[in-house]
C-alpha atoms as a PDB file:
ATOM      1  CA  MET A   1      22.283   8.527  17.611  1.00  0.00           C
ATOM      2  CA  ARG A   2      19.509   7.831  20.112  1.00  0.00           C
ATOM      3  CA  GLU A   3      17.318  10.505  18.549  1.00  0.00           C
ATOM      4  CA  ILE A   4      17.841   8.992  15.095  1.00  0.00           C
ATOM      5  CA  ALA A   5      17.184   5.460  16.379  1.00  0.00           C
ATOM      6  CA  GLU A   6      13.917   6.504  18.016  1.00  0.00           C
ATOM      7  CA  ALA A   7      12.832   8.333  14.852  1.00  0.00           C
ATOM      8  CA  LEU A   8      13.647   5.268  12.730  1.00  0.00           C
ATOM      9  CA  LEU A   9      11.528   3.049  14.957  1.00  0.00           C
ATOM     10  CA  ASP A  10       8.728   5.589  14.780  1.00  0.00           C
ATOM     11  CA  VAL A  11       8.757   5.532  10.980  1.00  0.00           C
ATOM     12  CA  LEU A  12       8.938   1.742  10.798  1.00  0.00           C
ATOM     13  CA  GLY A  13       6.001   1.426  13.181  1.00  0.00           C
ATOM     14  CA  SER A  14       3.851   4.016  11.440  1.00  0.00           C
ATOM     15  CA  GLY A  15       3.012   2.070   8.304  1.00  0.00           C
ATOM     16  CA  ARG A  16       4.256   5.052   6.299  1.00  0.00           C
ATOM     17  CA  ARG A  17       7.427   5.859   4.373  1.00  0.00           C
ATOM     18  CA  GLY A  18      10.424   7.942   5.343  1.00  0.00           C
ATOM     19  CA  ALA A  19      13.849   8.481   3.815  1.00  0.00           C
ATOM     20  CA  LEU A  20      17.315   8.304   5.358  1.00  0.00           C
ATOM     21  CA  ALA A  21      20.609   9.889   4.285  1.00  0.00           C
ATOM     22  CA  THR A  22      23.891   8.528   5.676  1.00  0.00           C
ATOM     23  CA  VAL A  23      27.374   9.951   5.198  1.00  0.00           C
ATOM     24  CA  VAL A  24      29.421   6.957   4.009  1.00  0.00           C
ATOM     25  CA  ALA A  25      32.758   8.565   3.085  1.00  0.00           C
ATOM     26  CA  VAL A  26      34.575  11.880   3.471  1.00  0.00           C
ATOM     27  CA  THR A  27      37.704  13.174   1.737  1.00  0.00           C
ATOM     28  CA  GLY A  28      39.474  16.302   2.956  1.00  0.00           C
ATOM     29  CA  SER A  29      37.689  18.968   4.947  1.00  0.00           C
ATOM     30  CA  ALA A  30      33.937  18.371   5.435  1.00  0.00           C
ATOM     31  CA  PRO A  31      31.216  19.436   7.902  1.00  0.00           C
ATOM     32  CA  GLN A  32      30.404  15.883   9.041  1.00  0.00           C
ATOM     33  CA  ARG A  33      32.064  12.502   9.521  1.00  0.00           C
ATOM     34  CA  PRO A  34      31.043   9.103   8.099  1.00  0.00           C
ATOM     35  CA  GLY A  35      28.036   7.762   9.981  1.00  0.00           C
ATOM     36  CA  ALA A  36      26.214  11.093  10.280  1.00  0.00           C
ATOM     37  CA  ARG A  37      22.539  10.709   9.367  1.00  0.00           C
ATOM     38  CA  LEU A  38      19.555  12.800   8.367  1.00  0.00           C
ATOM     39  CA  LEU A  39      16.038  11.326   8.463  1.00  0.00           C
ATOM     40  CA  LEU A  40      13.064  12.760   6.606  1.00  0.00           C
ATOM     41  CA  HIS A  41       9.948  11.757   8.553  1.00  0.00           C
ATOM     42  CA  PRO A  42       6.680  11.054   6.688  1.00  0.00           C
ATOM     43  CA  ASP A  43       5.210  14.243   8.142  1.00  0.00           C
ATOM     44  CA  GLY A  44       8.094  16.298   6.703  1.00  0.00           C
ATOM     45  CA  ALA A  45      10.075  16.708   9.939  1.00  0.00           C
ATOM     46  CA  LEU A  46      13.859  16.343   9.793  1.00  0.00           C
ATOM     47  CA  VAL A  47      15.889  14.499  12.434  1.00  0.00           C
ATOM     48  CA  GLY A  48      19.688  14.564  12.584  1.00  0.00           C
ATOM     49  CA  THR A  49      22.100  16.347  10.261  1.00  0.00           C
ATOM     50  CA  VAL A  50      24.610  15.685   7.492  1.00  0.00           C
ATOM     51  CA  GLY A  51      26.302  19.058   7.765  1.00  0.00           C
ATOM     52  CA  GLY A  52      23.763  21.835   7.442  1.00  0.00           C
ATOM     53  CA  GLY A  53      23.861  24.685   4.946  1.00  0.00           C
ATOM     54  CA  ALA A  54      24.076  24.047   1.222  1.00  0.00           C
ATOM     55  CA  VAL A  55      24.999  20.384   1.725  1.00  0.00           C
ATOM     56  CA  GLU A  56      21.885  19.710   3.731  1.00  0.00           C
ATOM     57  CA  LEU A  57      19.651  21.550   1.256  1.00  0.00           C
ATOM     58  CA  GLN A  58      20.904  19.250  -1.507  1.00  0.00           C
ATOM     59  CA  ILE A  59      20.327  16.159   0.602  1.00  0.00           C
ATOM     60  CA  VAL A  60      16.833  17.184   1.707  1.00  0.00           C
ATOM     61  CA  GLU A  61      15.832  17.484  -1.960  1.00  0.00           C
ATOM     62  CA  ALA A  62      17.354  14.055  -2.627  1.00  0.00           C
ATOM     63  CA  LEU A  63      15.377  12.605   0.301  1.00  0.00           C
ATOM     64  CA  LYS A  64      12.135  14.042  -1.073  1.00  0.00           C
ATOM     65  CA  GLN A  65      12.851  12.523  -4.485  1.00  0.00           C
ATOM     66  CA  THR A  66      13.612   9.163  -2.897  1.00  0.00           C
ATOM     67  CA  LEU A  67      10.227   9.176  -1.160  1.00  0.00           C
ATOM     68  CA  VAL A  68       8.620   9.503  -4.579  1.00  0.00           C
ATOM     69  CA  THR A  69      10.746   7.047  -6.554  1.00  0.00           C
ATOM     70  CA  GLY A  70      11.616   4.557  -3.815  1.00  0.00           C
ATOM     71  CA  GLU A  71      15.082   4.197  -5.356  1.00  0.00           C
ATOM     72  CA  ALA A  72      18.228   4.228  -3.222  1.00  0.00           C
ATOM     73  CA  ARG A  73      21.276   6.050  -4.563  1.00  0.00           C
ATOM     74  CA  LYS A  74      24.686   7.418  -3.600  1.00  0.00           C
ATOM     75  CA  LEU A  75      25.451  11.120  -4.006  1.00  0.00           C
ATOM     76  CA  THR A  76      28.909  12.639  -4.283  1.00  0.00           C
ATOM     77  CA  LEU A  77      29.152  16.294  -3.309  1.00  0.00           C
ATOM     78  CA  GLU A  78      32.180  18.437  -4.053  1.00  0.00           C
ATOM     79  CA  LEU A  79      32.386  21.038  -1.264  1.00  0.00           C
ATOM     80  CA  GLY A  80      33.534  23.885  -3.468  1.00  0.00           C
ATOM     81  CA  PRO A  81      32.257  27.023  -5.198  1.00  0.00           C
ATOM     82  CA  ASP A  82      29.255  25.274  -6.765  1.00  0.00           C
ATOM     83  CA  LEU A  83      27.811  24.921  -3.261  1.00  0.00           C
ATOM     84  CA  GLY A  84      29.105  28.260  -2.103  1.00  0.00           C
ATOM     85  CA  MET A  85      31.682  26.500   0.094  1.00  0.00           C
ATOM     86  CA  CYS A  86      35.416  26.670   0.455  1.00  0.00           C
ATOM     87  CA  CYS A  87      36.039  23.430   2.382  1.00  0.00           C
ATOM     88  CA  GLY A  88      37.531  21.789  -0.674  1.00  0.00           C
ATOM     89  CA  GLY A  89      36.583  18.327   0.495  1.00  0.00           C
ATOM     90  CA  ARG A  90      34.212  15.692  -0.803  1.00  0.00           C
ATOM     91  CA  MET A  91      31.302  13.828   0.799  1.00  0.00           C
ATOM     92  CA  GLU A  92      29.631  10.614  -0.326  1.00  0.00           C
ATOM     93  CA  ILE A  93      26.092  10.232   1.011  1.00  0.00           C
ATOM     94  CA  PHE A  94      23.785   7.223   0.638  1.00  0.00           C
ATOM     95  CA  VAL A  95      20.066   7.985   0.412  1.00  0.00           C
ATOM     96  CA  GLU A  96      17.423   5.264   0.885  1.00  0.00           C
ATOM     97  CA  VAL A  97      13.733   4.845   1.536  1.00  0.00           C
ATOM     98  CA  LEU A  98      12.473   3.433   4.843  1.00  0.00           C
ATOM     99  CA  GLU A  99       9.194   1.657   5.257  1.00  0.00           C
ATOM    100  CA  SER A 100       7.720  -0.978   7.515  1.00  0.00           C
ATOM    101  CA  ALA A 101       6.447  -4.244   6.097  1.00  0.00           C
ATOM    102  CA  ALA A 102       3.122  -3.704   4.362  1.00  0.00           C
ATOM    103  CA  ARG A 103       0.209  -5.388   6.111  1.00  0.00           C
ATOM    104  CA  LEU A 104      -2.089  -7.714   4.192  1.00  0.00           C
ATOM    105  CA  LEU A 105      -5.476  -7.997   5.885  1.00  0.00           C
ATOM    106  CA  LEU A 106      -6.851 -11.246   4.500  1.00  0.00           C
ATOM    107  CA  PHE A 107     -10.547 -11.872   5.123  1.00  0.00           C
ATOM    108  CA  GLY A 108     -11.325 -15.564   4.796  1.00  0.00           C
ATOM    109  CA  ALA A 109      -9.401 -18.701   5.727  1.00  0.00           C
ATOM    110  CA  GLY A 110     -10.485 -21.049   2.971  1.00  0.00           C
ATOM    111  CA  HIS A 111      -8.764 -22.801   0.088  1.00  0.00           C
ATOM    112  CA  VAL A 112      -7.682 -19.580  -1.688  1.00  0.00           C
ATOM    113  CA  ALA A 113      -6.626 -17.763   1.462  1.00  0.00           C
ATOM    114  CA  ARG A 114      -4.131 -20.397   2.541  1.00  0.00           C
ATOM    115  CA  PRO A 115      -1.751 -20.222  -0.466  1.00  0.00           C
ATOM    116  CA  THR A 116      -2.341 -16.462  -0.751  1.00  0.00           C
ATOM    117  CA  ALA A 117      -1.145 -15.912   2.825  1.00  0.00           C
ATOM    118  CA  ALA A 118       1.878 -18.169   2.356  1.00  0.00           C
ATOM    119  CA  LEU A 119       2.961 -16.512  -0.889  1.00  0.00           C
ATOM    120  CA  ALA A 120       2.324 -12.982   0.412  1.00  0.00           C
ATOM    121  CA  ARG A 121       4.646 -13.601   3.351  1.00  0.00           C
ATOM    122  CA  THR A 122       7.454 -14.655   1.006  1.00  0.00           C
ATOM    123  CA  VAL A 123       7.313 -11.251  -0.741  1.00  0.00           C
ATOM    124  CA  GLY A 124       7.402  -9.267   2.491  1.00  0.00           C
ATOM    125  CA  PHE A 125       3.811  -8.815   3.651  1.00  0.00           C
ATOM    126  CA  ASP A 126       2.835  -8.990   7.314  1.00  0.00           C
ATOM    127  CA  VAL A 127      -0.326 -11.116   7.027  1.00  0.00           C
ATOM    128  CA  THR A 128      -3.357 -11.167   9.316  1.00  0.00           C
ATOM    129  CA  VAL A 129      -6.125 -13.684   8.593  1.00  0.00           C
ATOM    130  CA  PHE A 130      -9.699 -12.917   9.702  1.00  0.00           C
ATOM    131  CA  ASP A 131     -12.201 -15.778   9.930  1.00  0.00           C
ATOM    132  CA  THR A 132     -14.656 -16.877  12.628  1.00  0.00           C
ATOM    133  CA  ARG A 133     -14.129 -20.577  11.832  1.00  0.00           C
ATOM    134  CA  PRO A 134     -11.577 -21.821  14.387  1.00  0.00           C
ATOM    135  CA  GLU A 135     -11.171 -25.145  12.605  1.00  0.00           C
ATOM    136  CA  LEU A 136      -9.757 -23.326   9.566  1.00  0.00           C
ATOM    137  CA  ASN A 137      -8.129 -20.233  11.045  1.00  0.00           C
ATOM    138  CA  THR A 138      -5.253 -22.040  12.749  1.00  0.00           C
ATOM    139  CA  PRO A 139      -1.487 -21.568  13.113  1.00  0.00           C
ATOM    140  CA  GLU A 140      -0.960 -24.872  11.307  1.00  0.00           C
ATOM    141  CA  ARG A 141      -2.759 -23.631   8.192  1.00  0.00           C
ATOM    142  CA  PHE A 142      -1.358 -20.109   8.397  1.00  0.00           C
ATOM    143  CA  PRO A 143       2.156 -20.302   9.885  1.00  0.00           C
ATOM    144  CA  GLY A 144       3.732 -16.963  10.675  1.00  0.00           C
ATOM    145  CA  CYS A 145       0.442 -15.075  10.296  1.00  0.00           C
ATOM    146  CA  ARG A 146      -1.591 -13.188  12.860  1.00  0.00           C
ATOM    147  CA  LEU A 147      -5.037 -14.703  13.327  1.00  0.00           C
ATOM    148  CA  SER A 148      -8.359 -13.114  14.269  1.00  0.00           C
ATOM    149  CA  THR A 149     -11.522 -15.114  14.964  1.00  0.00           C
ATOM    150  CA  GLY A 150     -13.728 -12.204  16.006  1.00  0.00           C
ATOM    151  CA  ASP A 151     -16.492 -10.675  13.909  1.00  0.00           C
ATOM    152  CA  PRO A 152     -14.613  -9.682  10.724  1.00  0.00           C
ATOM    153  CA  VAL A 153     -16.835  -6.748   9.733  1.00  0.00           C
ATOM    154  CA  GLU A 154     -16.696  -5.124  13.163  1.00  0.00           C
ATOM    155  CA  THR A 155     -12.979  -5.837  13.428  1.00  0.00           C
ATOM    156  CA  LEU A 156     -12.364  -4.135  10.092  1.00  0.00           C
ATOM    157  CA  ARG A 157     -14.376  -1.095  11.166  1.00  0.00           C
ATOM    158  CA  GLN A 158     -12.294  -0.777  14.315  1.00  0.00           C
ATOM    159  CA  THR A 159      -8.939  -1.332  12.598  1.00  0.00           C
ATOM    160  CA  LYS A 160      -6.865   1.773  11.930  1.00  0.00           C
ATOM    161  CA  LEU A 161      -5.578   1.449   8.388  1.00  0.00           C
ATOM    162  CA  MET A 162      -2.105   2.650   7.471  1.00  0.00           C
ATOM    163  CA  ASP A 163      -0.821   3.788   4.088  1.00  0.00           C
ATOM    164  CA  LEU A 164       0.815   0.475   3.247  1.00  0.00           C
ATOM    165  CA  ASP A 165      -2.132  -1.730   4.269  1.00  0.00           C
ATOM    166  CA  ARG A 166      -3.815  -3.924   1.670  1.00  0.00           C
ATOM    167  CA  ILE A 167      -7.204  -5.640   2.080  1.00  0.00           C
ATOM    168  CA  VAL A 168      -8.121  -8.856   0.259  1.00  0.00           C
ATOM    169  CA  ILE A 169     -11.584 -10.441   0.676  1.00  0.00           C
ATOM    170  CA  VAL A 170     -11.756 -14.164  -0.076  1.00  0.00           C
ATOM    171  CA  THR A 171     -14.651 -15.190   2.155  1.00  0.00           C
ATOM    172  CA  HIS A 172     -16.952 -18.175   1.658  1.00  0.00           C
ATOM    173  CA  GLU A 173     -20.200 -16.192   2.055  1.00  0.00           C
ATOM    174  CA  HIS A 174     -21.422 -13.655  -0.505  1.00  0.00           C
ATOM    175  CA  ARG A 175     -23.327 -11.639   2.088  1.00  0.00           C
ATOM    176  CA  LEU A 176     -20.269 -11.391   4.318  1.00  0.00           C
ATOM    177  CA  ALA A 177     -18.074 -10.425   1.355  1.00  0.00           C
ATOM    178  CA  GLU A 178     -20.469  -7.606   0.468  1.00  0.00           C
ATOM    179  CA  GLN A 179     -20.521  -6.364   4.067  1.00  0.00           C
ATOM    180  CA  LEU A 180     -16.728  -6.409   4.181  1.00  0.00           C
ATOM    181  CA  LEU A 181     -16.450  -4.542   0.880  1.00  0.00           C
ATOM    182  CA  ALA A 182     -18.856  -1.884   2.166  1.00  0.00           C
ATOM    183  CA  ALA A 183     -16.937  -1.569   5.442  1.00  0.00           C
ATOM    184  CA  ALA A 184     -13.622  -1.367   3.583  1.00  0.00           C
ATOM    185  CA  LEU A 185     -14.863   1.394   1.290  1.00  0.00           C
ATOM    186  CA  GLU A 186     -15.906   3.418   4.338  1.00  0.00           C
ATOM    187  CA  LYS A 187     -12.248   3.453   5.416  1.00  0.00           C
ATOM    188  CA  ASN A 188     -10.895   4.453   1.989  1.00  0.00           C
ATOM    189  CA  PRO A 189      -7.951   2.011   1.821  1.00  0.00           C
ATOM    190  CA  ARG A 190      -5.232   2.239  -0.804  1.00  0.00           C
ATOM    191  CA  TYR A 191      -6.227  -1.218  -2.096  1.00  0.00           C
ATOM    192  CA  VAL A 192      -9.113  -3.606  -1.548  1.00  0.00           C
ATOM    193  CA  GLY A 193      -9.297  -6.803  -3.571  1.00  0.00           C
ATOM    194  CA  LEU A 194     -12.357  -9.035  -3.843  1.00  0.00           C
ATOM    195  CA  VAL A 195     -12.541 -12.580  -5.188  1.00  0.00           C
ATOM    196  CA  GLY A 196     -15.635 -13.251  -7.254  1.00  0.00           C
ATOM    197  CA  SER A 197     -17.241 -13.273 -10.667  1.00  0.00           C
ATOM    198  CA  ARG A 198     -17.881 -10.080 -12.604  1.00  0.00           C
ATOM    199  CA  ARG A 199     -21.628 -10.490 -12.084  1.00  0.00           C
ATOM    200  CA  LYS A 200     -21.066 -10.713  -8.323  1.00  0.00           C
ATOM    201  CA  VAL A 201     -18.899  -7.599  -8.358  1.00  0.00           C
ATOM    202  CA  LEU A 202     -21.456  -5.618 -10.374  1.00  0.00           C
ATOM    203  CA  ARG A 203     -24.265  -6.525  -7.985  1.00  0.00           C
ATOM    204  CA  PHE A 204     -22.196  -5.674  -4.908  1.00  0.00           C
ATOM    205  CA  VAL A 205     -21.247  -2.269  -6.269  1.00  0.00           C
ATOM    206  CA  GLN A 206     -24.805  -1.487  -7.298  1.00  0.00           C
ATOM    207  CA  ARG A 207     -26.242  -2.357  -3.886  1.00  0.00           C
ATOM    208  CA  ILE A 208     -23.491  -0.628  -1.925  1.00  0.00           C
ATOM    209  CA  GLY A 209     -23.731   2.397  -4.195  1.00  0.00           C
ATOM    210  CA  LYS A 210     -27.407   2.905  -3.413  1.00  0.00           C
ATOM    211  CA  LYS A 211     -26.507   3.355   0.252  1.00  0.00           C
ATOM    212  CA  SER A 212     -23.198   5.170  -0.223  1.00  0.00           C
ATOM    213  CA  PRO A 213     -23.221   7.000  -3.556  1.00  0.00           C
ATOM    214  CA  ASP A 214     -19.842   8.733  -3.280  1.00  0.00           C
ATOM    215  CA  LEU A 215     -17.689   5.622  -3.587  1.00  0.00           C
ATOM    216  CA  GLU A 216     -13.918   5.644  -4.091  1.00  0.00           C
ATOM    217  CA  LEU A 217     -14.017   2.848  -6.655  1.00  0.00           C
ATOM    218  CA  ASP A 218     -10.626   3.447  -8.232  1.00  0.00           C
ATOM    219  CA  ARG A 219      -8.999   1.582  -5.332  1.00  0.00           C
ATOM    220  CA  VAL A 220     -11.229  -1.483  -5.673  1.00  0.00           C
ATOM    221  CA  TYR A 221      -9.641  -4.425  -7.457  1.00  0.00           C
ATOM    222  CA  ALA A 222     -12.545  -6.746  -8.161  1.00  0.00           C
ATOM    223  CA  PRO A 223     -12.295  -9.346  -9.448  1.00  0.00           C
ATOM    224  CA  VAL A 224      -8.958  -9.396  -7.699  1.00  0.00           C
ATOM    225  CA  GLY A 225      -5.711 -10.424  -9.347  1.00  0.00           C
ATOM    226  CA  LEU A 226      -3.936 -10.321 -12.692  1.00  0.00           C
ATOM    227  CA  ASP A 227      -5.324 -11.831 -15.866  1.00  0.00           C
ATOM    228  CA  ILE A 228      -3.079 -14.903 -16.075  1.00  0.00           C
ATOM    229  CA  GLY A 229      -5.790 -17.527 -16.634  1.00  0.00           C
ATOM    230  CA  ALA A 230      -5.627 -18.767 -13.025  1.00  0.00           C
ATOM    231  CA  VAL A 231      -7.949 -21.651 -12.149  1.00  0.00           C
ATOM    232  CA  SER A 232      -6.717 -23.559  -9.081  1.00  0.00           C
ATOM    233  CA  PRO A 233      -6.528 -21.996  -5.593  1.00  0.00           C
ATOM    234  CA  GLU A 234      -2.753 -21.892  -5.871  1.00  0.00           C
ATOM    235  CA  GLU A 235      -2.882 -20.205  -9.277  1.00  0.00           C
ATOM    236  CA  ILE A 236      -5.417 -17.673  -8.004  1.00  0.00           C
ATOM    237  CA  ALA A 237      -3.059 -16.951  -5.086  1.00  0.00           C
ATOM    238  CA  VAL A 238      -0.252 -16.274  -7.570  1.00  0.00           C
ATOM    239  CA  SER A 239      -2.573 -13.926  -9.481  1.00  0.00           C
ATOM    240  CA  ILE A 240      -3.491 -12.001  -6.312  1.00  0.00           C
ATOM    241  CA  VAL A 241       0.021 -11.653  -4.930  1.00  0.00           C
ATOM    242  CA  ALA A 242       1.410 -10.787  -8.370  1.00  0.00           C
ATOM    243  CA  GLU A 243      -1.067  -7.895  -8.483  1.00  0.00           C
ATOM    244  CA  LEU A 244       0.114  -6.662  -5.078  1.00  0.00           C
ATOM    245  CA  VAL A 245       3.734  -6.808  -6.214  1.00  0.00           C
ATOM    246  CA  ALA A 246       2.940  -5.069  -9.514  1.00  0.00           C
ATOM    247  CA  LEU A 247       1.220  -2.213  -7.690  1.00  0.00           C
ATOM    248  CA  ARG A 248       4.118  -1.968  -5.248  1.00  0.00           C
ATOM    249  CA  HIS A 249       6.477  -1.278  -8.147  1.00  0.00           C
ATOM    250  CA  GLY A 250       4.086   0.735 -10.314  1.00  0.00           C
ATOM    251  CA  ALA A 251       4.159  -1.835 -13.131  1.00  0.00           C
ATOM    252  CA  ARG A 252       1.565  -1.685 -15.898  1.00  0.00           C
ATOM    253  CA  VAL A 253       0.021  -5.135 -16.087  1.00  0.00           C
ATOM    254  CA  PRO A 254      -3.332  -6.696 -17.146  1.00  0.00           C
ATOM    255  CA  HIS A 255      -5.658  -6.515 -14.126  1.00  0.00           C
ATOM    256  CA  LEU A 256      -8.894  -8.479 -13.897  1.00  0.00           C
ATOM    257  CA  ARG A 257     -10.759  -5.708 -12.114  1.00  0.00           C
ATOM    258  CA  LEU A 258     -14.041  -4.575 -13.590  1.00  0.00           C
ATOM    259  CA  TYR A 259     -13.352  -0.914 -12.890  1.00  0.00           C
ATOM    260  CA  ASP A 260     -11.566  -0.663 -16.227  1.00  0.00           C
ATOM    261  CA  ASP A 261     -14.422  -2.408 -18.092  1.00  0.00           C
ATOM    262  CA  PRO A 262     -16.921  -0.171 -20.016  1.00  0.00           C
ATOM    263  CA  ARG A 263     -19.772  -2.231 -18.524  1.00  0.00           C
ATOM    264  CA  PHE A 264     -18.827  -0.871 -15.128  1.00  0.00           C
ATOM    265  CA  ASP A 265     -19.551   2.699 -16.189  1.00  0.00           C
ATOM    266  CA  LYS A 266     -22.797   1.538 -17.795  1.00  0.00           C
ATOM    267  CA  LEU A 267     -23.895  -0.025 -14.515  1.00  0.00           C
ATOM    268  CA  LEU A 268     -23.266   3.210 -12.642  1.00  0.00           C
ATOM    269  CA  GLU A 269     -25.106   5.216 -15.275  1.00  0.00           C
ATOM    270  CA  GLU A 270     -28.097   2.890 -15.009  1.00  0.00           C
ATOM    271  CA  ALA A 271     -28.048   3.200 -11.215  1.00  0.00           C
ATOM    272  CA  ASN A 272     -28.055   6.980 -11.545  1.00  0.00           C
ATOM    273  CA  ALA A 273     -30.964   6.964 -13.992  1.00  0.00           C
ATOM    274  CA  GLY A 274     -33.023   4.462 -12.003  1.00  0.00           C
ATOM    275  CA  ASP A 275     -32.712   6.211  -8.652  1.00  0.00           C
ATOM    276  CA  ALA A 276     -32.557   9.883  -9.670  1.00  0.00           C
ATOM    277  CA  GLU A 277     -35.705  10.850  -7.780  1.00  0.00           C
ATOM    278  CA  GLN A 278     -35.037   8.836  -4.622  1.00  0.00           C
ATOM    279  CA  ARG A 279     -31.348   9.659  -4.445  1.00  0.00           C
ATOM    280  CA  PRO A 280     -30.406  13.265  -5.221  1.00  0.00           C
ATOM    281  CA  ILE A 281     -26.673  12.539  -4.906  1.00  0.00           C
ATOM    282  CA  PRO A 282     -25.716  10.274  -7.845  1.00  0.00           C
ATOM    283  CA  LEU A 283     -23.264   7.454  -7.850  1.00  0.00           C
ATOM    284  CA  ARG A 284     -19.999   9.091  -8.864  1.00  0.00           C
ATOM    285  CA  ILE A 285     -18.048   7.704 -11.795  1.00  0.00           C
ATOM    286  CA  PRO A 286     -14.524   8.615 -10.700  1.00  0.00           C
ATOM    287  CA  THR A 287     -11.771   9.825 -12.969  1.00  0.00           C
ATOM    288  CA  ARG A 288      -9.534   7.001 -14.121  1.00  0.00           C
ATOM    289  CA  ARG A 289      -6.070   6.747 -12.622  1.00  0.00           C
ATOM    290  CA  SER A 290      -3.044   4.739 -13.601  1.00  0.00           C
ATOM    291  CA  SER A 291      -3.232   1.122 -12.427  1.00  0.00           C
ATOM    292  CA  GLY A 292       0.222   1.427 -10.862  1.00  0.00           C
ATOM    293  CA  GLU A 293       0.574   2.903  -7.391  1.00  0.00           C
ATOM    294  CA  GLY A 294       4.270   3.541  -7.603  1.00  0.00           C
ATOM    295  CA  ARG A 295       6.466   3.065  -4.606  1.00  0.00           C
END
């Protein structure tokens, strides 16, 4: 039990996903009792046991599937000839995914950040707000959030990102937003969202692309949020958090991001043509992926 408990804490603190199988009921002769557990670590290691042999092979496959789908389920195994066993009993095993709370790294503490942080916490995000303005970045404005008032660009560069981390940039300065986007792209996060007009996004990408041509743009959600006609700060917050939730569940929804706009490809093509002599490595137009991450 101690080994399992330590492994569980390790998974929950890693920012990655694992899967756990627990024997919940046994009828007749069986290799394990209720309460036995088997944990599939994110790195593929197994901790614990639910009986070994053919039973365990079945459960390991179920754990791998659960990591992909994110769906919990109960399995009933008859311990007979189909498994090459003669126990004659039955085991019921519950399989579930394990993951720590996803972190939302929110850059900016202004009028959009405040409702975004509050709403993100209600749907399970562990929120950290980065802003050098101490009069805005306060516990009163961001209850329950971690706060950072250091240099946001340098802090981002030094932060170790985990698989579940999400970055949203809602700063008050265009120059700072561009620096943060560039720093975020260097770290190749699963998701980086940027508040701003389409013109602003196009200019940022063009300038950043001249310095770093091999950009992973398919993970950039800019303008950030879903296309719900949001206008007020609170509505924009709903749009942003709704996008995070949609990506969590792999839902196909109307994103605002320019990456899916034909003008985006045109911009990259123009950048390639204009800088072909000065920049032998062209800006890469990445292959389109599905807008849903899946769980």
